[in-house]
């Protein structure tokens, strides 16, 4: 099984390999930088999901069995402290159909959201808050905020696995 990930982010690469290896056994995973076609800081369901789909489609070639696109974004959530939760979306593409999955969501501190709504990217603000450069390519904000109970790789694995649910149950989904 040959897989291509539409991002050179090591967390997205590792999470994809971790999940798909459990499903398929031996695999070859590669990564390529592709354009998500959405803003660097996606806000909203449609934009974030479209970013994941664009990454998967832009990474795909007939040399691979599946391509994987992962995009994190802020989604408006009523009754939350800031009005937004961060969710990661995964799109898996086989040249014909796309399957989608989403991670568990979490809320950033109010000062982070204020700065993001003012034009900054979450990653830049969280780097500043934690003092860790490129935190999103390491343990991630979710690790910092959960005091190490869940890191970004584990959070990303959630969306990859959820996107695989229809593929793991093809008879019921695609009959």
C-alpha atoms as a PDB file:
ATOM      1  CA  UNK A   1       0.000   0.000   0.000  1.00  0.00           C
ATOM      2  CA  UNK A   2       1.442   3.352  -1.053  1.00  0.00           C
ATOM      3  CA  UNK A   3       0.273   6.507   0.724  1.00  0.00           C
ATOM      4  CA  UNK A   4       1.047  10.174   0.060  1.00  0.00           C
ATOM      5  CA  UNK A   5       0.435  12.863   2.680  1.00  0.00           C
ATOM      6  CA  UNK A   6      -0.289  16.385   1.418  1.00  0.00           C
ATOM      7  CA  UNK A   7       1.970  18.094   3.951  1.00  0.00           C
ATOM      8  CA  UNK A   8       5.578  17.876   5.101  1.00  0.00           C
ATOM      9  CA  UNK A   9       4.476  18.487   8.709  1.00  0.00           C
ATOM     10  CA  UNK A  10       6.106  15.593  10.611  1.00  0.00           C
ATOM     11  CA  UNK A  11       3.084  15.222  12.921  1.00  0.00           C
ATOM     12  CA  UNK A  12       0.670  14.692  10.010  1.00  0.00           C
ATOM     13  CA  UNK A  13       3.103  12.240   8.387  1.00  0.00           C
ATOM     14  CA  UNK A  14       3.636  10.240  11.594  1.00  0.00           C
ATOM     15  CA  UNK A  15      -0.049  10.145  12.548  1.00  0.00           C
ATOM     16  CA  UNK A  16      -1.031   8.921   9.077  1.00  0.00           C
ATOM     17  CA  UNK A  17       1.594   6.175   9.149  1.00  0.00           C
ATOM     18  CA  UNK A  18       0.658   5.108  12.681  1.00  0.00           C
ATOM     19  CA  UNK A  19      -3.018   4.618  11.827  1.00  0.00           C
ATOM     20  CA  UNK A  20      -2.740   3.159   8.330  1.00  0.00           C
ATOM     21  CA  UNK A  21      -0.037   0.690   9.356  1.00  0.00           C
ATOM     22  CA  UNK A  22      -2.472  -0.792  11.896  1.00  0.00           C
ATOM     23  CA  UNK A  23      -5.080  -1.158   9.147  1.00  0.00           C
ATOM     24  CA  UNK A  24      -2.973  -2.277   6.186  1.00  0.00           C
ATOM     25  CA  UNK A  25       0.199  -3.675   7.721  1.00  0.00           C
ATOM     26  CA  UNK A  26       3.206  -2.849   5.615  1.00  0.00           C
ATOM     27  CA  UNK A  27       3.071   0.473   3.810  1.00  0.00           C
ATOM     28  CA  UNK A  28       5.131   3.099   2.139  1.00  0.00           C
ATOM     29  CA  UNK A  29       4.299   6.630   3.232  1.00  0.00           C
ATOM     30  CA  UNK A  30       5.638   9.738   1.529  1.00  0.00           C
ATOM     31  CA  UNK A  31       4.978  13.419   2.078  1.00  0.00           C
ATOM     32  CA  UNK A  32       4.749  16.320  -0.331  1.00  0.00           C
ATOM     33  CA  UNK A  33       4.098  20.012   0.206  1.00  0.00           C
ATOM     34  CA  UNK A  34       0.867  21.011  -1.529  1.00  0.00           C
ATOM     35  CA  UNK A  35      -1.329  24.083  -1.555  1.00  0.00           C
ATOM     36  CA  UNK A  36      -4.369  23.802   0.694  1.00  0.00           C
ATOM     37  CA  UNK A  37      -6.136  26.525  -1.287  1.00  0.00           C
ATOM     38  CA  UNK A  38      -7.443  28.040   1.951  1.00  0.00           C
ATOM     39  CA  UNK A  39      -6.056  30.725   4.281  1.00  0.00           C
ATOM     40  CA  UNK A  40      -3.111  29.744   6.507  1.00  0.00           C
ATOM     41  CA  UNK A  41      -5.470  30.073   9.471  1.00  0.00           C
ATOM     42  CA  UNK A  42      -8.753  28.452   8.418  1.00  0.00           C
ATOM     43  CA  UNK A  43     -11.837  29.627  10.263  1.00  0.00           C
ATOM     44  CA  UNK A  44     -15.133  27.836   9.664  1.00  0.00           C
ATOM     45  CA  UNK A  45     -16.276  24.346   8.795  1.00  0.00           C
ATOM     46  CA  UNK A  46     -16.476  24.754   5.013  1.00  0.00           C
ATOM     47  CA  UNK A  47     -13.026  26.345   4.698  1.00  0.00           C
ATOM     48  CA  UNK A  48     -11.307  23.821   6.966  1.00  0.00           C
ATOM     49  CA  UNK A  49     -12.849  20.753   5.309  1.00  0.00           C
ATOM     50  CA  UNK A  50     -12.088  22.203   1.869  1.00  0.00           C
ATOM     51  CA  UNK A  51      -8.453  22.647   2.911  1.00  0.00           C
ATOM     52  CA  UNK A  52      -8.204  18.954   3.836  1.00  0.00           C
ATOM     53  CA  UNK A  53      -9.866  17.886   0.573  1.00  0.00           C
ATOM     54  CA  UNK A  54      -7.620  20.176  -1.483  1.00  0.00           C
ATOM     55  CA  UNK A  55      -4.522  18.782   0.209  1.00  0.00           C
ATOM     56  CA  UNK A  56      -5.610  15.193  -0.483  1.00  0.00           C
ATOM     57  CA  UNK A  57      -6.523  15.866  -4.113  1.00  0.00           C
ATOM     58  CA  UNK A  58      -3.433  17.999  -4.795  1.00  0.00           C
ATOM     59  CA  UNK A  59      -1.172  15.275  -3.383  1.00  0.00           C
ATOM     60  CA  UNK A  60      -2.794  12.409  -5.298  1.00  0.00           C
ATOM     61  CA  UNK A  61      -1.204  10.701  -8.269  1.00  0.00           C
ATOM     62  CA  UNK A  62      -1.791   7.253  -9.813  1.00  0.00           C
ATOM     63  CA  UNK A  63       1.496   6.176  -8.207  1.00  0.00           C
ATOM     64  CA  UNK A  64      -0.301   6.013  -4.845  1.00  0.00           C
ATOM     65  CA  UNK A  65      -3.244   4.022  -3.506  1.00  0.00           C
ATOM     66  CA  UNK A  66      -4.419   6.782  -1.170  1.00  0.00           C
ATOM     67  CA  UNK A  67      -3.654  10.421  -0.532  1.00  0.00           C
ATOM     68  CA  UNK A  68      -4.236  12.088   2.805  1.00  0.00           C
ATOM     69  CA  UNK A  69      -5.008  15.737   3.493  1.00  0.00           C
ATOM     70  CA  UNK A  70      -5.193  17.097   7.028  1.00  0.00           C
ATOM     71  CA  UNK A  71      -6.267  20.634   7.945  1.00  0.00           C
ATOM     72  CA  UNK A  72      -6.755  22.217  11.366  1.00  0.00           C
ATOM     73  CA  UNK A  73      -9.172  25.067  11.739  1.00  0.00           C
ATOM     74  CA  UNK A  74     -11.292  27.028  14.145  1.00  0.00           C
ATOM     75  CA  UNK A  75     -15.008  26.328  14.117  1.00  0.00           C
ATOM     76  CA  UNK A  76     -17.639  28.499  15.732  1.00  0.00           C
ATOM     77  CA  UNK A  77     -19.177  26.693  18.672  1.00  0.00           C
ATOM     78  CA  UNK A  78     -22.036  28.246  20.659  1.00  0.00           C
ATOM     79  CA  UNK A  79     -21.792  28.258  24.452  1.00  0.00           C
ATOM     80  CA  UNK A  80     -17.982  27.860  24.394  1.00  0.00           C
ATOM     81  CA  UNK A  81     -15.763  30.300  26.301  1.00  0.00           C
ATOM     82  CA  UNK A  82     -14.313  31.948  23.180  1.00  0.00           C
ATOM     83  CA  UNK A  83     -16.900  30.974  20.585  1.00  0.00           C
ATOM     84  CA  UNK A  84     -14.424  28.660  18.794  1.00  0.00           C
ATOM     85  CA  UNK A  85     -12.967  25.159  19.040  1.00  0.00           C
ATOM     86  CA  UNK A  86     -10.006  23.800  17.112  1.00  0.00           C
ATOM     87  CA  UNK A  87     -10.726  20.660  15.065  1.00  0.00           C
ATOM     88  CA  UNK A  88      -8.551  18.739  12.639  1.00  0.00           C
ATOM     89  CA  UNK A  89     -10.167  17.360   9.523  1.00  0.00           C
ATOM     90  CA  UNK A  90      -8.760  14.522   7.437  1.00  0.00           C
ATOM     91  CA  UNK A  91      -9.714  13.790   3.835  1.00  0.00           C
ATOM     92  CA  UNK A  92      -8.612  10.507   2.272  1.00  0.00           C
ATOM     93  CA  UNK A  93      -8.770  10.247  -1.508  1.00  0.00           C
ATOM     94  CA  UNK A  94      -8.317   7.218  -3.753  1.00  0.00           C
ATOM     95  CA  UNK A  95      -8.715   8.947  -7.107  1.00  0.00           C
ATOM     96  CA  UNK A  96     -12.500   8.511  -7.035  1.00  0.00           C
ATOM     97  CA  UNK A  97     -14.017   9.020  -3.622  1.00  0.00           C
ATOM     98  CA  UNK A  98     -13.210  11.091  -0.572  1.00  0.00           C
ATOM     99  CA  UNK A  99     -13.833   9.997   2.998  1.00  0.00           C
ATOM    100  CA  UNK A 100     -13.716  12.486   5.874  1.00  0.00           C
ATOM    101  CA  UNK A 101     -12.937  12.306   9.565  1.00  0.00           C
ATOM    102  CA  UNK A 102     -12.545  14.786  12.391  1.00  0.00           C
ATOM    103  CA  UNK A 103     -10.534  14.828  15.607  1.00  0.00           C
ATOM    104  CA  UNK A 104     -11.636  15.684  19.098  1.00  0.00           C
ATOM    105  CA  UNK A 105     -11.900  19.445  19.399  1.00  0.00           C
ATOM    106  CA  UNK A 106     -10.494  21.710  22.059  1.00  0.00           C
ATOM    107  CA  UNK A 107     -10.673  25.360  22.979  1.00  0.00           C
ATOM    108  CA  UNK A 108      -7.769  27.807  23.027  1.00  0.00           C
ATOM    109  CA  UNK A 109      -7.416  30.411  25.784  1.00  0.00           C
ATOM    110  CA  UNK A 110      -9.326  33.644  25.073  1.00  0.00           C
ATOM    111  CA  UNK A 111      -6.169  35.693  24.454  1.00  0.00           C
ATOM    112  CA  UNK A 112      -5.119  33.253  21.698  1.00  0.00           C
ATOM    113  CA  UNK A 113      -8.479  33.556  19.908  1.00  0.00           C
ATOM    114  CA  UNK A 114      -8.424  37.347  20.267  1.00  0.00           C
ATOM    115  CA  UNK A 115      -5.043  37.497  18.519  1.00  0.00           C
ATOM    116  CA  UNK A 116      -6.115  35.010  15.821  1.00  0.00           C
ATOM    117  CA  UNK A 117      -9.247  37.036  15.069  1.00  0.00           C
ATOM    118  CA  UNK A 118      -6.897  40.020  14.827  1.00  0.00           C
ATOM    119  CA  UNK A 119      -5.014  38.317  11.999  1.00  0.00           C
ATOM    120  CA  UNK A 120      -2.368  36.082  13.594  1.00  0.00           C
ATOM    121  CA  UNK A 121      -2.068  32.299  13.158  1.00  0.00           C
ATOM    122  CA  UNK A 122      -2.768  30.010  16.111  1.00  0.00           C
ATOM    123  CA  UNK A 123       0.649  28.403  15.752  1.00  0.00           C
ATOM    124  CA  UNK A 124       2.481  31.708  16.026  1.00  0.00           C
ATOM    125  CA  UNK A 125       0.497  32.759  19.087  1.00  0.00           C
ATOM    126  CA  UNK A 126       0.949  29.386  20.812  1.00  0.00           C
ATOM    127  CA  UNK A 127       4.701  29.434  20.044  1.00  0.00           C
ATOM    128  CA  UNK A 128       4.808  32.778  21.850  1.00  0.00           C
ATOM    129  CA  UNK A 129       2.661  31.546  24.769  1.00  0.00           C
ATOM    130  CA  UNK A 130       4.683  28.349  25.315  1.00  0.00           C
ATOM    131  CA  UNK A 131       8.135  29.537  24.234  1.00  0.00           C
ATOM    132  CA  UNK A 132       8.391  26.488  21.939  1.00  0.00           C
ATOM    133  CA  UNK A 133       9.284  27.225  18.308  1.00  0.00           C
ATOM    134  CA  UNK A 134       7.072  25.377  15.770  1.00  0.00           C
ATOM    135  CA  UNK A 135       5.034  23.746  18.534  1.00  0.00           C
ATOM    136  CA  UNK A 136       2.512  22.511  15.915  1.00  0.00           C
ATOM    137  CA  UNK A 137       5.208  20.359  14.311  1.00  0.00           C
ATOM    138  CA  UNK A 138       6.096  18.844  17.676  1.00  0.00           C
ATOM    139  CA  UNK A 139       3.774  17.982  20.575  1.00  0.00           C
ATOM    140  CA  UNK A 140       1.257  20.673  19.635  1.00  0.00           C
ATOM    141  CA  UNK A 141      -0.883  23.119  21.556  1.00  0.00           C
ATOM    142  CA  UNK A 142      -3.201  20.306  22.605  1.00  0.00           C
ATOM    143  CA  UNK A 143      -0.325  18.699  24.548  1.00  0.00           C
ATOM    144  CA  UNK A 144       0.444  21.957  26.305  1.00  0.00           C
ATOM    145  CA  UNK A 145      -3.216  22.569  27.140  1.00  0.00           C
ATOM    146  CA  UNK A 146      -3.901  18.975  28.312  1.00  0.00           C
ATOM    147  CA  UNK A 147      -0.696  18.931  30.367  1.00  0.00           C
ATOM    148  CA  UNK A 148       0.698  16.150  28.190  1.00  0.00           C
ATOM    149  CA  UNK A 149      -2.328  13.854  28.338  1.00  0.00           C
ATOM    150  CA  UNK A 150      -2.878  14.104  24.540  1.00  0.00           C
ATOM    151  CA  UNK A 151      -0.305  15.258  22.027  1.00  0.00           C
ATOM    152  CA  UNK A 152      -0.845  16.515  18.497  1.00  0.00           C
ATOM    153  CA  UNK A 153       0.108  13.174  16.945  1.00  0.00           C
ATOM    154  CA  UNK A 154      -2.600  11.404  18.960  1.00  0.00           C
ATOM    155  CA  UNK A 155      -5.117  14.131  18.153  1.00  0.00           C
ATOM    156  CA  UNK A 156      -4.248  13.878  14.443  1.00  0.00           C
ATOM    157  CA  UNK A 157      -4.494  10.079  14.539  1.00  0.00           C
ATOM    158  CA  UNK A 158      -8.130  10.534  15.590  1.00  0.00           C
ATOM    159  CA  UNK A 159      -9.118  12.323  12.381  1.00  0.00           C
ATOM    160  CA  UNK A 160      -7.162   9.882  10.183  1.00  0.00           C
ATOM    161  CA  UNK A 161      -8.864   6.893  11.815  1.00  0.00           C
ATOM    162  CA  UNK A 162     -12.316   8.481  11.545  1.00  0.00           C
ATOM    163  CA  UNK A 163     -11.724   9.149   7.819  1.00  0.00           C
ATOM    164  CA  UNK A 164     -10.880   5.457   7.428  1.00  0.00           C
ATOM    165  CA  UNK A 165     -14.145   4.203   8.980  1.00  0.00           C
ATOM    166  CA  UNK A 166     -16.021   3.983   5.630  1.00  0.00           C
ATOM    167  CA  UNK A 167     -12.996   2.326   3.990  1.00  0.00           C
ATOM    168  CA  UNK A 168     -12.744  -0.216   6.795  1.00  0.00           C
ATOM    169  CA  UNK A 169     -16.448  -1.037   6.298  1.00  0.00           C
ATOM    170  CA  UNK A 170     -16.801  -0.730   2.523  1.00  0.00           C
ATOM    171  CA  UNK A 171     -19.730  -3.134   2.283  1.00  0.00           C
ATOM    172  CA  UNK A 172     -21.959  -0.988   4.464  1.00  0.00           C
ATOM    173  CA  UNK A 173     -20.839   2.367   3.083  1.00  0.00           C
ATOM    174  CA  UNK A 174     -20.321   1.661  -0.606  1.00  0.00           C
ATOM    175  CA  UNK A 175     -22.289  -1.622  -0.932  1.00  0.00           C
END
